[in-house]
PDB file of N, CA and C in Angstrom:
ATOM      1  N   MET A   1      14.928   6.070   0.618  1.00  0.00           N
ATOM      2  CA  MET A   1      14.645   4.721   1.051  1.00  0.00           C
ATOM      3  C   MET A   1      14.624   3.944  -0.326  1.00  0.00           C
ATOM      4  N   ALA A   2      15.280   2.799  -0.165  1.00  0.00           N
ATOM      5  CA  ALA A   2      15.357   1.969  -1.273  1.00  0.00           C
ATOM      6  C   ALA A   2      14.207   1.076  -1.295  1.00  0.00           C
ATOM      7  N   THR A   3      13.522   0.976  -2.677  1.00  0.00           N
ATOM      8  CA  THR A   3      12.531   0.036  -2.863  1.00  0.00           C
ATOM      9  C   THR A   3      12.889  -0.942  -3.891  1.00  0.00           C
ATOM     10  N   THR A   4      11.826  -2.107  -3.954  1.00  0.00           N
ATOM     11  CA  THR A   4      11.990  -3.039  -4.803  1.00  0.00           C
ATOM     12  C   THR A   4      10.472  -3.248  -5.223  1.00  0.00           C
ATOM     13  N   ARG A   5      10.221  -4.179  -6.355  1.00  0.00           N
ATOM     14  CA  ARG A   5       9.026  -4.578  -6.701  1.00  0.00           C
ATOM     15  C   ARG A   5       8.566  -5.591  -5.899  1.00  0.00           C
ATOM     16  N   SER A   6       7.162  -5.917  -5.732  1.00  0.00           N
ATOM     17  CA  SER A   6       6.585  -6.874  -4.769  1.00  0.00           C
ATOM     18  C   SER A   6       6.754  -8.073  -5.396  1.00  0.00           C
ATOM     19  N   ALA A   7       7.293  -8.234  -6.684  1.00  0.00           N
ATOM     20  CA  ALA A   7       7.457  -9.530  -7.470  1.00  0.00           C
ATOM     21  C   ALA A   7       8.490 -10.410  -6.391  1.00  0.00           C
ATOM     22  N   GLY A   8       9.109  -9.639  -5.745  1.00  0.00           N
ATOM     23  CA  GLY A   8      10.256 -10.309  -4.839  1.00  0.00           C
ATOM     24  C   GLY A   8       9.627 -11.252  -3.897  1.00  0.00           C
ATOM     25  N   ILE A   9       8.231 -11.128  -3.520  1.00  0.00           N
ATOM     26  CA  ILE A   9       7.675 -12.013  -2.837  1.00  0.00           C
ATOM     27  C   ILE A   9       6.983 -12.998  -3.275  1.00  0.00           C
ATOM     28  N   ARG A  10       7.022 -13.185  -4.803  1.00  0.00           N
ATOM     29  CA  ARG A  10       6.384 -14.258  -5.593  1.00  0.00           C
ATOM     30  C   ARG A  10       6.394 -15.478  -4.810  1.00  0.00           C
ATOM     31  N   GLY A  11       5.392 -16.281  -4.611  1.00  0.00           N
ATOM     32  CA  GLY A  11       5.578 -17.783  -4.196  1.00  0.00           C
ATOM     33  C   GLY A  11       5.343 -17.662  -2.634  1.00  0.00           C
ATOM     34  N   LEU A  12       5.451 -16.609  -1.913  1.00  0.00           N
ATOM     35  CA  LEU A  12       5.325 -16.645  -0.493  1.00  0.00           C
ATOM     36  C   LEU A  12       3.806 -17.097  -0.011  1.00  0.00           C
ATOM     37  N   ALA A  13       2.831 -16.661  -0.759  1.00  0.00           N
ATOM     38  CA  ALA A  13       1.445 -17.206  -0.420  1.00  0.00           C
ATOM     39  C   ALA A  13       1.124 -18.578  -0.511  1.00  0.00           C
ATOM     40  N   VAL A  14       1.789 -19.020  -1.728  1.00  0.00           N
ATOM     41  CA  VAL A  14       1.814 -20.430  -2.025  1.00  0.00           C
ATOM     42  C   VAL A  14       2.337 -21.344  -0.852  1.00  0.00           C
ATOM     43  N   ILE A  15       3.614 -20.764  -0.629  1.00  0.00           N
ATOM     44  CA  ILE A  15       4.463 -21.567   0.449  1.00  0.00           C
ATOM     45  C   ILE A  15       3.813 -21.516   1.764  1.00  0.00           C
ATOM     46  N   ALA A  16       3.374 -20.265   2.174  1.00  0.00           N
ATOM     47  CA  ALA A  16       2.758 -20.185   3.417  1.00  0.00           C
ATOM     48  C   ALA A  16       1.421 -20.969   3.743  1.00  0.00           C
ATOM     49  N   GLY A  17       0.539 -21.027   2.544  1.00  0.00           N
ATOM     50  CA  GLY A  17      -0.489 -21.819   2.453  1.00  0.00           C
ATOM     51  C   GLY A  17      -0.252 -23.304   2.618  1.00  0.00           C
ATOM     52  N   ARG A  18       0.635 -23.894   1.988  1.00  0.00           N
ATOM     53  CA  ARG A  18       1.208 -25.315   2.089  1.00  0.00           C
ATOM     54  C   ARG A  18       1.531 -25.727   3.481  1.00  0.00           C
ATOM     55  N   CYS A  19       2.177 -24.628   4.100  1.00  0.00           N
ATOM     56  CA  CYS A  19       2.703 -24.810   5.537  1.00  0.00           C
ATOM     57  C   CYS A  19       1.809 -24.589   6.730  1.00  0.00           C
ATOM     58  N   GLY A  20       0.353 -24.230   6.190  1.00  0.00           N
ATOM     59  CA  GLY A  20      -0.487 -23.837   7.402  1.00  0.00           C
ATOM     60  C   GLY A  20      -0.558 -22.415   7.819  1.00  0.00           C
ATOM     61  N   GLY A  21       0.167 -21.653   7.157  1.00  0.00           N
ATOM     62  CA  GLY A  21       0.194 -20.276   7.527  1.00  0.00           C
ATOM     63  C   GLY A  21      -0.632 -19.389   6.741  1.00  0.00           C
ATOM     64  N   GLU A  22      -0.954 -18.189   7.184  1.00  0.00           N
ATOM     65  CA  GLU A  22      -1.831 -17.189   6.695  1.00  0.00           C
ATOM     66  C   GLU A  22      -1.153 -15.996   5.924  1.00  0.00           C
ATOM     67  N   PRO A  23      -0.954 -16.121   4.616  1.00  0.00           N
ATOM     68  CA  PRO A  23      -0.195 -15.165   3.921  1.00  0.00           C
ATOM     69  C   PRO A  23      -0.440 -13.801   4.198  1.00  0.00           C
ATOM     70  N   ALA A  24      -1.623 -13.366   4.357  1.00  0.00           N
ATOM     71  CA  ALA A  24      -1.996 -11.809   4.534  1.00  0.00           C
ATOM     72  C   ALA A  24      -1.831 -11.307   6.052  1.00  0.00           C
ATOM     73  N   ALA A  25      -1.747 -12.445   6.854  1.00  0.00           N
ATOM     74  CA  ALA A  25      -1.486 -12.094   8.278  1.00  0.00           C
ATOM     75  C   ALA A  25       0.205 -11.789   8.375  1.00  0.00           C
ATOM     76  N   LEU A  26       0.862 -12.798   7.783  1.00  0.00           N
ATOM     77  CA  LEU A  26       2.365 -12.591   7.762  1.00  0.00           C
ATOM     78  C   LEU A  26       2.816 -11.087   7.002  1.00  0.00           C
ATOM     79  N   VAL A  27       1.941 -10.827   6.019  1.00  0.00           N
ATOM     80  CA  VAL A  27       2.337  -9.411   5.340  1.00  0.00           C
ATOM     81  C   VAL A  27       2.156  -8.245   6.109  1.00  0.00           C
ATOM     82  N   ARG A  28       0.591  -8.381   6.804  1.00  0.00           N
ATOM     83  CA  ARG A  28       0.280  -7.170   7.657  1.00  0.00           C
ATOM     84  C   ARG A  28       1.274  -7.178   8.928  1.00  0.00           C
ATOM     85  N   ALA A  29       1.611  -8.150   9.374  1.00  0.00           N
ATOM     86  CA  ALA A  29       2.517  -8.220  10.626  1.00  0.00           C
ATOM     87  C   ALA A  29       3.887  -7.248  10.375  1.00  0.00           C
ATOM     88  N   VAL A  30       4.303  -6.914   9.182  1.00  0.00           N
ATOM     89  CA  VAL A  30       5.414  -6.205   9.006  1.00  0.00           C
ATOM     90  C   VAL A  30       4.969  -4.960   8.180  1.00  0.00           C
ATOM     91  N   GLY A  31       3.597  -4.484   8.283  1.00  0.00           N
ATOM     92  CA  GLY A  31       3.185  -3.153   7.939  1.00  0.00           C
ATOM     93  C   GLY A  31       2.985  -3.173   6.547  1.00  0.00           C
ATOM     94  N   LEU A  32       2.835  -4.226   5.798  1.00  0.00           N
ATOM     95  CA  LEU A  32       2.704  -4.224   4.270  1.00  0.00           C
ATOM     96  C   LEU A  32       1.071  -4.601   3.926  1.00  0.00           C
ATOM     97  N   ASP A  33       0.552  -4.016   2.925  1.00  0.00           N
ATOM     98  CA  ASP A  33      -0.734  -4.342   2.467  1.00  0.00           C
ATOM     99  C   ASP A  33      -0.746  -5.565   1.942  1.00  0.00           C
ATOM    100  N   PRO A  34      -1.656  -6.385   2.114  1.00  0.00           N
ATOM    101  CA  PRO A  34      -1.673  -7.797   1.487  1.00  0.00           C
ATOM    102  C   PRO A  34      -1.963  -7.787   0.042  1.00  0.00           C
ATOM    103  N   ALA A  35      -2.014  -6.627  -0.521  1.00  0.00           N
ATOM    104  CA  ALA A  35      -2.192  -6.608  -1.988  1.00  0.00           C
ATOM    105  C   ALA A  35      -0.983  -6.758  -2.750  1.00  0.00           C
ATOM    106  N   VAL A  36       0.249  -6.798  -1.874  1.00  0.00           N
ATOM    107  CA  VAL A  36       1.467  -7.205  -2.333  1.00  0.00           C
ATOM    108  C   VAL A  36       1.671  -8.637  -2.852  1.00  0.00           C
ATOM    109  N   LEU A  37       0.739  -9.351  -2.242  1.00  0.00           N
ATOM    110  CA  LEU A  37       0.686 -10.846  -2.447  1.00  0.00           C
ATOM    111  C   LEU A  37       0.066 -11.190  -3.986  1.00  0.00           C
ATOM    112  N   ASP A  38      -0.562 -10.166  -4.428  1.00  0.00           N
ATOM    113  CA  ASP A  38      -1.264 -10.350  -5.664  1.00  0.00           C
ATOM    114  C   ASP A  38      -0.784  -9.504  -6.881  1.00  0.00           C
ATOM    115  N   HIS A  39      -0.004  -8.565  -6.511  1.00  0.00           N
ATOM    116  CA  HIS A  39       0.471  -7.633  -7.581  1.00  0.00           C
ATOM    117  C   HIS A  39       1.816  -7.601  -7.604  1.00  0.00           C
ATOM    118  N   ASP A  40       2.660  -7.735  -8.789  1.00  0.00           N
ATOM    119  CA  ASP A  40       4.084  -7.618  -9.005  1.00  0.00           C
ATOM    120  C   ASP A  40       4.731  -6.341  -8.827  1.00  0.00           C
ATOM    121  N   ASP A  41       3.948  -5.196  -9.104  1.00  0.00           N
ATOM    122  CA  ASP A  41       4.483  -3.957  -9.452  1.00  0.00           C
ATOM    123  C   ASP A  41       4.379  -3.035  -8.132  1.00  0.00           C
ATOM    124  N   ILE A  42       3.976  -3.274  -7.301  1.00  0.00           N
ATOM    125  CA  ILE A  42       3.806  -2.419  -5.981  1.00  0.00           C
ATOM    126  C   ILE A  42       5.194  -2.182  -5.363  1.00  0.00           C
ATOM    127  N   PRO A  43       5.656  -0.878  -5.225  1.00  0.00           N
ATOM    128  CA  PRO A  43       6.970  -0.545  -4.625  1.00  0.00           C
ATOM    129  C   PRO A  43       6.877  -1.225  -3.063  1.00  0.00           C
ATOM    130  N   VAL A  44       7.909  -2.005  -2.717  1.00  0.00           N
ATOM    131  CA  VAL A  44       8.127  -2.317  -1.229  1.00  0.00           C
ATOM    132  C   VAL A  44       9.359  -1.823  -0.803  1.00  0.00           C
ATOM    133  N   ALA A  45       9.423  -1.261   0.242  1.00  0.00           N
ATOM    134  CA  ALA A  45      10.689  -0.719   0.930  1.00  0.00           C
ATOM    135  C   ALA A  45      11.553  -1.985   1.269  1.00  0.00           C
ATOM    136  N   GLU A  46      12.722  -1.964   0.947  1.00  0.00           N
ATOM    137  CA  GLU A  46      13.559  -3.044   1.014  1.00  0.00           C
ATOM    138  C   GLU A  46      13.660  -3.535   2.470  1.00  0.00           C
ATOM    139  N   HIS A  47      13.551  -2.682   3.340  1.00  0.00           N
ATOM    140  CA  HIS A  47      13.768  -3.079   4.874  1.00  0.00           C
ATOM    141  C   HIS A  47      12.480  -3.805   5.331  1.00  0.00           C
ATOM    142  N   ARG A  48      11.452  -3.494   4.697  1.00  0.00           N
ATOM    143  CA  ARG A  48      10.147  -4.224   4.988  1.00  0.00           C
ATOM    144  C   ARG A  48      10.162  -5.501   4.329  1.00  0.00           C
ATOM    145  N   LEU A  49      10.809  -5.707   3.086  1.00  0.00           N
ATOM    146  CA  LEU A  49      10.723  -7.041   2.528  1.00  0.00           C
ATOM    147  C   LEU A  49      11.764  -7.824   3.353  1.00  0.00           C
ATOM    148  N   ALA A  50      12.699  -7.422   3.820  1.00  0.00           N
ATOM    149  CA  ALA A  50      13.565  -8.334   4.779  1.00  0.00           C
ATOM    150  C   ALA A  50      12.921  -8.507   5.913  1.00  0.00           C
ATOM    151  N   ARG A  51      12.391  -7.696   6.605  1.00  0.00           N
ATOM    152  CA  ARG A  51      11.542  -8.110   7.711  1.00  0.00           C
ATOM    153  C   ARG A  51      10.236  -9.103   7.409  1.00  0.00           C
ATOM    154  N   LEU A  52       9.857  -8.999   6.296  1.00  0.00           N
ATOM    155  CA  LEU A  52       8.872  -9.821   5.934  1.00  0.00           C
ATOM    156  C   LEU A  52       9.351 -11.370   5.871  1.00  0.00           C
ATOM    157  N   LEU A  53      10.539 -11.522   4.975  1.00  0.00           N
ATOM    158  CA  LEU A  53      10.971 -12.815   5.039  1.00  0.00           C
ATOM    159  C   LEU A  53      11.529 -13.385   6.311  1.00  0.00           C
ATOM    160  N   ASP A  54      12.209 -12.597   7.033  1.00  0.00           N
ATOM    161  CA  ASP A  54      12.606 -13.028   8.332  1.00  0.00           C
ATOM    162  C   ASP A  54      11.381 -13.490   9.178  1.00  0.00           C
ATOM    163  N   HIS A  55      10.529 -12.670   9.192  1.00  0.00           N
ATOM    164  CA  HIS A  55       9.053 -12.949  10.094  1.00  0.00           C
ATOM    165  C   HIS A  55       8.709 -14.155   9.596  1.00  0.00           C
ATOM    166  N   ALA A  56       8.274 -14.275   8.362  1.00  0.00           N
ATOM    167  CA  ALA A  56       7.574 -15.543   7.646  1.00  0.00           C
ATOM    168  C   ALA A  56       8.365 -16.686   7.799  1.00  0.00           C
ATOM    169  N   ALA A  57       9.824 -16.603   7.604  1.00  0.00           N
ATOM    170  CA  ALA A  57      10.654 -17.838   8.001  1.00  0.00           C
ATOM    171  C   ALA A  57      10.555 -18.398   9.291  1.00  0.00           C
ATOM    172  N   ARG A  58      10.606 -17.510  10.224  1.00  0.00           N
ATOM    173  CA  ARG A  58      10.362 -17.913  11.863  1.00  0.00           C
ATOM    174  C   ARG A  58       9.003 -18.479  12.001  1.00  0.00           C
ATOM    175  N   GLU A  59       7.983 -17.553  11.547  1.00  0.00           N
ATOM    176  CA  GLU A  59       6.518 -18.038  11.895  1.00  0.00           C
ATOM    177  C   GLU A  59       6.301 -19.444  11.334  1.00  0.00           C
ATOM    178  N   LEU A  60       6.635 -19.638  10.101  1.00  0.00           N
ATOM    179  CA  LEU A  60       6.530 -20.927   9.453  1.00  0.00           C
ATOM    180  C   LEU A  60       7.430 -22.083   9.709  1.00  0.00           C
ATOM    181  N   ASP A  61       8.549 -21.744  10.473  1.00  0.00           N
ATOM    182  CA  ASP A  61       9.707 -22.658  10.770  1.00  0.00           C
ATOM    183  C   ASP A  61      10.166 -23.129   9.639  1.00  0.00           C
ATOM    184  N   LEU A  62      10.607 -22.269   8.571  1.00  0.00           N
ATOM    185  CA  LEU A  62      11.177 -22.642   7.257  1.00  0.00           C
ATOM    186  C   LEU A  62      12.364 -21.898   7.166  1.00  0.00           C
ATOM    187  N   PRO A  63      13.580 -22.389   7.809  1.00  0.00           N
ATOM    188  CA  PRO A  63      14.825 -21.576   7.452  1.00  0.00           C
ATOM    189  C   PRO A  63      15.332 -21.634   5.983  1.00  0.00           C
ATOM    190  N   ASP A  64      14.589 -22.457   5.199  1.00  0.00           N
ATOM    191  CA  ASP A  64      14.977 -22.349   3.778  1.00  0.00           C
ATOM    192  C   ASP A  64      13.967 -21.678   2.879  1.00  0.00           C
ATOM    193  N   LEU A  65      13.119 -20.864   3.614  1.00  0.00           N
ATOM    194  CA  LEU A  65      12.002 -19.974   2.755  1.00  0.00           C
ATOM    195  C   LEU A  65      12.576 -19.468   1.712  1.00  0.00           C
ATOM    196  N   GLY A  66      13.636 -18.652   1.829  1.00  0.00           N
ATOM    197  CA  GLY A  66      14.242 -18.180   0.498  1.00  0.00           C
ATOM    198  C   GLY A  66      14.359 -18.965  -0.641  1.00  0.00           C
ATOM    199  N   LEU A  67      15.012 -20.142  -0.434  1.00  0.00           N
ATOM    200  CA  LEU A  67      15.158 -21.104  -1.432  1.00  0.00           C
ATOM    201  C   LEU A  67      13.893 -21.639  -2.072  1.00  0.00           C
ATOM    202  N   ARG A  68      12.987 -21.899  -1.053  1.00  0.00           N
ATOM    203  CA  ARG A  68      11.688 -22.321  -1.579  1.00  0.00           C
ATOM    204  C   ARG A  68      11.023 -21.321  -2.453  1.00  0.00           C
ATOM    205  N   MET A  69      11.130 -19.895  -1.998  1.00  0.00           N
ATOM    206  CA  MET A  69      10.590 -18.972  -2.999  1.00  0.00           C
ATOM    207  C   MET A  69      11.312 -18.726  -4.104  1.00  0.00           C
ATOM    208  N   ALA A  70      12.627 -18.840  -4.270  1.00  0.00           N
ATOM    209  CA  ALA A  70      13.324 -18.871  -5.463  1.00  0.00           C
ATOM    210  C   ALA A  70      12.922 -19.768  -6.373  1.00  0.00           C
ATOM    211  N   ALA A  71      12.488 -20.903  -5.897  1.00  0.00           N
ATOM    212  CA  ALA A  71      11.875 -22.016  -6.945  1.00  0.00           C
ATOM    213  C   ALA A  71      10.586 -21.452  -7.578  1.00  0.00           C
ATOM    214  N   GLU A  72       9.919 -20.444  -7.095  1.00  0.00           N
ATOM    215  CA  GLU A  72       8.638 -20.001  -7.665  1.00  0.00           C
ATOM    216  C   GLU A  72       8.862 -19.061  -8.553  1.00  0.00           C
ATOM    217  N   HIS A  73      10.152 -18.464  -8.640  1.00  0.00           N
ATOM    218  CA  HIS A  73      10.442 -17.217  -9.615  1.00  0.00           C
ATOM    219  C   HIS A  73      10.886 -17.630 -10.894  1.00  0.00           C
ATOM    220  N   ASP A  74      10.718 -16.627 -11.854  1.00  0.00           N
ATOM    221  CA  ASP A  74      11.271 -16.963 -13.174  1.00  0.00           C
ATOM    222  C   ASP A  74      11.766 -15.417 -13.642  1.00  0.00           C
ATOM    223  N   LEU A  75      12.128 -15.456 -14.889  1.00  0.00           N
ATOM    224  CA  LEU A  75      12.475 -14.080 -15.425  1.00  0.00           C
ATOM    225  C   LEU A  75      11.377 -13.065 -15.598  1.00  0.00           C
ATOM    226  N   GLY A  76      10.257 -13.525 -15.437  1.00  0.00           N
ATOM    227  CA  GLY A  76       9.166 -12.682 -15.591  1.00  0.00           C
ATOM    228  C   GLY A  76       9.117 -11.767 -14.376  1.00  0.00           C
ATOM    229  N   MET A  77       9.809 -12.052 -13.127  1.00  0.00           N
ATOM    230  CA  MET A  77       9.792 -11.125 -12.030  1.00  0.00           C
ATOM    231  C   MET A  77      10.733  -9.898 -12.283  1.00  0.00           C
ATOM    232  N   LEU A  78      11.351  -9.989 -13.056  1.00  0.00           N
ATOM    233  CA  LEU A  78      12.335  -8.831 -13.482  1.00  0.00           C
ATOM    234  C   LEU A  78      11.319  -7.709 -14.479  1.00  0.00           C
ATOM    235  N   GLY A  79      10.286  -7.754 -14.637  1.00  0.00           N
ATOM    236  CA  GLY A  79       9.473  -6.857 -15.255  1.00  0.00           C
ATOM    237  C   GLY A  79       9.624  -7.046 -16.758  1.00  0.00           C
ATOM    238  N   GLN A  80       9.572  -5.921 -17.506  1.00  0.00           N
ATOM    239  CA  GLN A  80       9.611  -5.987 -19.004  1.00  0.00           C
ATOM    240  C   GLN A  80      10.962  -6.531 -19.545  1.00  0.00           C
ATOM    241  N   PRO A  81      12.122  -6.137 -18.785  1.00  0.00           N
ATOM    242  CA  PRO A  81      13.194  -6.779 -19.408  1.00  0.00           C
ATOM    243  C   PRO A  81      13.254  -8.454 -19.179  1.00  0.00           C
ATOM    244  N   GLY A  82      12.851  -8.817 -18.201  1.00  0.00           N
ATOM    245  CA  GLY A  82      12.662 -10.331 -18.091  1.00  0.00           C
ATOM    246  C   GLY A  82      11.707 -10.986 -19.121  1.00  0.00           C
ATOM    247  N   VAL A  83      10.643 -10.374 -19.093  1.00  0.00           N
ATOM    248  CA  VAL A  83       9.563 -10.789 -20.184  1.00  0.00           C
ATOM    249  C   VAL A  83      10.278 -10.918 -21.564  1.00  0.00           C
ATOM    250  N   ALA A  84      10.848  -9.695 -21.804  1.00  0.00           N
ATOM    251  CA  ALA A  84      11.476  -9.646 -23.205  1.00  0.00           C
ATOM    252  C   ALA A  84      12.648 -10.798 -23.327  1.00  0.00           C
ATOM    253  N   SER A  85      13.408 -11.002 -22.351  1.00  0.00           N
ATOM    254  CA  SER A  85      14.285 -12.003 -22.472  1.00  0.00           C
ATOM    255  C   SER A  85      13.870 -13.395 -22.691  1.00  0.00           C
ATOM    256  N   LEU A  86      12.659 -13.677 -22.049  1.00  0.00           N
ATOM    257  CA  LEU A  86      12.148 -14.871 -22.351  1.00  0.00           C
ATOM    258  C   LEU A  86      11.928 -15.184 -23.753  1.00  0.00           C
ATOM    259  N   GLY A  87      11.456 -14.088 -24.414  1.00  0.00           N
ATOM    260  CA  GLY A  87      11.340 -14.526 -25.744  1.00  0.00           C
ATOM    261  C   GLY A  87      12.519 -14.436 -26.625  1.00  0.00           C
ATOM    262  N   LEU A  88      13.551 -13.947 -26.201  1.00  0.00           N
ATOM    263  CA  LEU A  88      15.016 -13.724 -26.863  1.00  0.00           C
ATOM    264  C   LEU A  88      16.160 -14.895 -26.285  1.00  0.00           C
ATOM    265  N   ALA A  89      15.620 -15.784 -25.364  1.00  0.00           N
ATOM    266  CA  ALA A  89      16.540 -16.595 -24.789  1.00  0.00           C
ATOM    267  C   ALA A  89      17.478 -17.440 -25.561  1.00  0.00           C
ATOM    268  N   TRP A  90      17.000 -17.719 -26.897  1.00  0.00           N
ATOM    269  CA  TRP A  90      17.704 -18.395 -27.576  1.00  0.00           C
ATOM    270  C   TRP A  90      18.394 -17.761 -28.817  1.00  0.00           C
ATOM    271  N   THR A  91      18.427 -16.278 -28.685  1.00  0.00           N
ATOM    272  CA  THR A  91      19.033 -15.565 -29.708  1.00  0.00           C
ATOM    273  C   THR A  91      20.187 -14.847 -29.077  1.00  0.00           C
ATOM    274  N   THR A  92      20.938 -14.304 -29.914  1.00  0.00           N
ATOM    275  CA  THR A  92      22.096 -13.472 -29.373  1.00  0.00           C
ATOM    276  C   THR A  92      21.779 -12.253 -28.449  1.00  0.00           C
ATOM    277  N   GLY A  93      20.439 -11.779 -28.791  1.00  0.00           N
ATOM    278  CA  GLY A  93      20.146 -10.637 -27.983  1.00  0.00           C
ATOM    279  C   GLY A  93      19.671 -10.671 -26.667  1.00  0.00           C
ATOM    280  N   GLY A  94      19.146 -11.946 -26.269  1.00  0.00           N
ATOM    281  CA  GLY A  94      18.504 -12.098 -25.243  1.00  0.00           C
ATOM    282  C   GLY A  94      19.411 -11.853 -23.904  1.00  0.00           C
ATOM    283  N   PRO A  95      20.769 -12.405 -23.661  1.00  0.00           N
ATOM    284  CA  PRO A  95      21.336 -12.182 -22.407  1.00  0.00           C
ATOM    285  C   PRO A  95      21.645 -10.618 -22.431  1.00  0.00           C
ATOM    286  N   SER A  96      22.014  -9.967 -23.509  1.00  0.00           N
ATOM    287  CA  SER A  96      22.608  -8.577 -23.555  1.00  0.00           C
ATOM    288  C   SER A  96      21.408  -7.635 -23.113  1.00  0.00           C
ATOM    289  N   LEU A  97      20.245  -7.910 -23.377  1.00  0.00           N
ATOM    290  CA  LEU A  97      18.929  -6.985 -22.942  1.00  0.00           C
ATOM    291  C   LEU A  97      18.751  -7.104 -21.529  1.00  0.00           C
ATOM    292  N   VAL A  98      19.047  -8.054 -21.063  1.00  0.00           N
ATOM    293  CA  VAL A  98      19.028  -7.999 -19.491  1.00  0.00           C
ATOM    294  C   VAL A  98      20.049  -7.315 -18.734  1.00  0.00           C
ATOM    295  N   GLY A  99      21.249  -7.388 -19.165  1.00  0.00           N
ATOM    296  CA  GLY A  99      22.162  -6.413 -18.517  1.00  0.00           C
ATOM    297  C   GLY A  99      22.924  -7.445 -17.579  1.00  0.00           C
ATOM    298  N   CYS A 100      23.902  -6.726 -17.022  1.00  0.00           N
ATOM    299  CA  CYS A 100      24.828  -7.453 -16.165  1.00  0.00           C
ATOM    300  C   CYS A 100      24.692  -7.297 -14.675  1.00  0.00           C
ATOM    301  N   GLY A 101      23.727  -6.529 -14.178  1.00  0.00           N
ATOM    302  CA  GLY A 101      23.491  -6.516 -12.708  1.00  0.00           C
ATOM    303  C   GLY A 101      22.429  -5.451 -12.239  1.00  0.00           C
ATOM    304  N   PRO A 102      22.284  -5.292 -11.043  1.00  0.00           N
ATOM    305  CA  PRO A 102      21.004  -4.381 -10.474  1.00  0.00           C
ATOM    306  C   PRO A 102      21.222  -2.840 -11.102  1.00  0.00           C
ATOM    307  N   ALA A 103      22.353  -2.321 -11.447  1.00  0.00           N
ATOM    308  CA  ALA A 103      22.450  -1.098 -12.281  1.00  0.00           C
ATOM    309  C   ALA A 103      21.768  -0.934 -13.441  1.00  0.00           C
ATOM    310  N   GLN A 104      21.444  -2.118 -14.091  1.00  0.00           N
ATOM    311  CA  GLN A 104      20.741  -2.268 -15.340  1.00  0.00           C
ATOM    312  C   GLN A 104      19.352  -2.040 -15.174  1.00  0.00           C
ATOM    313  N   HIS A 105      18.764  -2.531 -13.832  1.00  0.00           N
ATOM    314  CA  HIS A 105      17.437  -2.634 -13.671  1.00  0.00           C
ATOM    315  C   HIS A 105      16.589  -1.533 -12.931  1.00  0.00           C
ATOM    316  N   PRO A 106      15.917  -0.811 -13.478  1.00  0.00           N
ATOM    317  CA  PRO A 106      15.237   0.359 -12.842  1.00  0.00           C
ATOM    318  C   PRO A 106      14.625   0.291 -11.436  1.00  0.00           C
ATOM    319  N   ARG A 107      14.395   1.207 -10.664  1.00  0.00           N
ATOM    320  CA  ARG A 107      13.992   0.928  -9.378  1.00  0.00           C
ATOM    321  C   ARG A 107      12.600   1.509  -9.373  1.00  0.00           C
TER     322      ARG A 107
END
């Protein structure tokens, strides 16, 4: 089973709250613990993440939910490599530290 970090749903709680939704109820509806809303390093099955995003977009009537969530993200969601690259962004080492794709990021 493929997993991802709960950082992938960063911004969902804020967006749901702005739109009158209940973030914890959205998360529970797809079988996830509401703790994923507050902690970036909880492993989340990719199929549950996909179900959550689909369910939330429908419930909140936000077909652009993914774009709204992307606006809430920064390199910090990548964990240690992302945080390190923030400090190195203007040096030659920054981009090479992050790597070229998902194969560079531990699961």
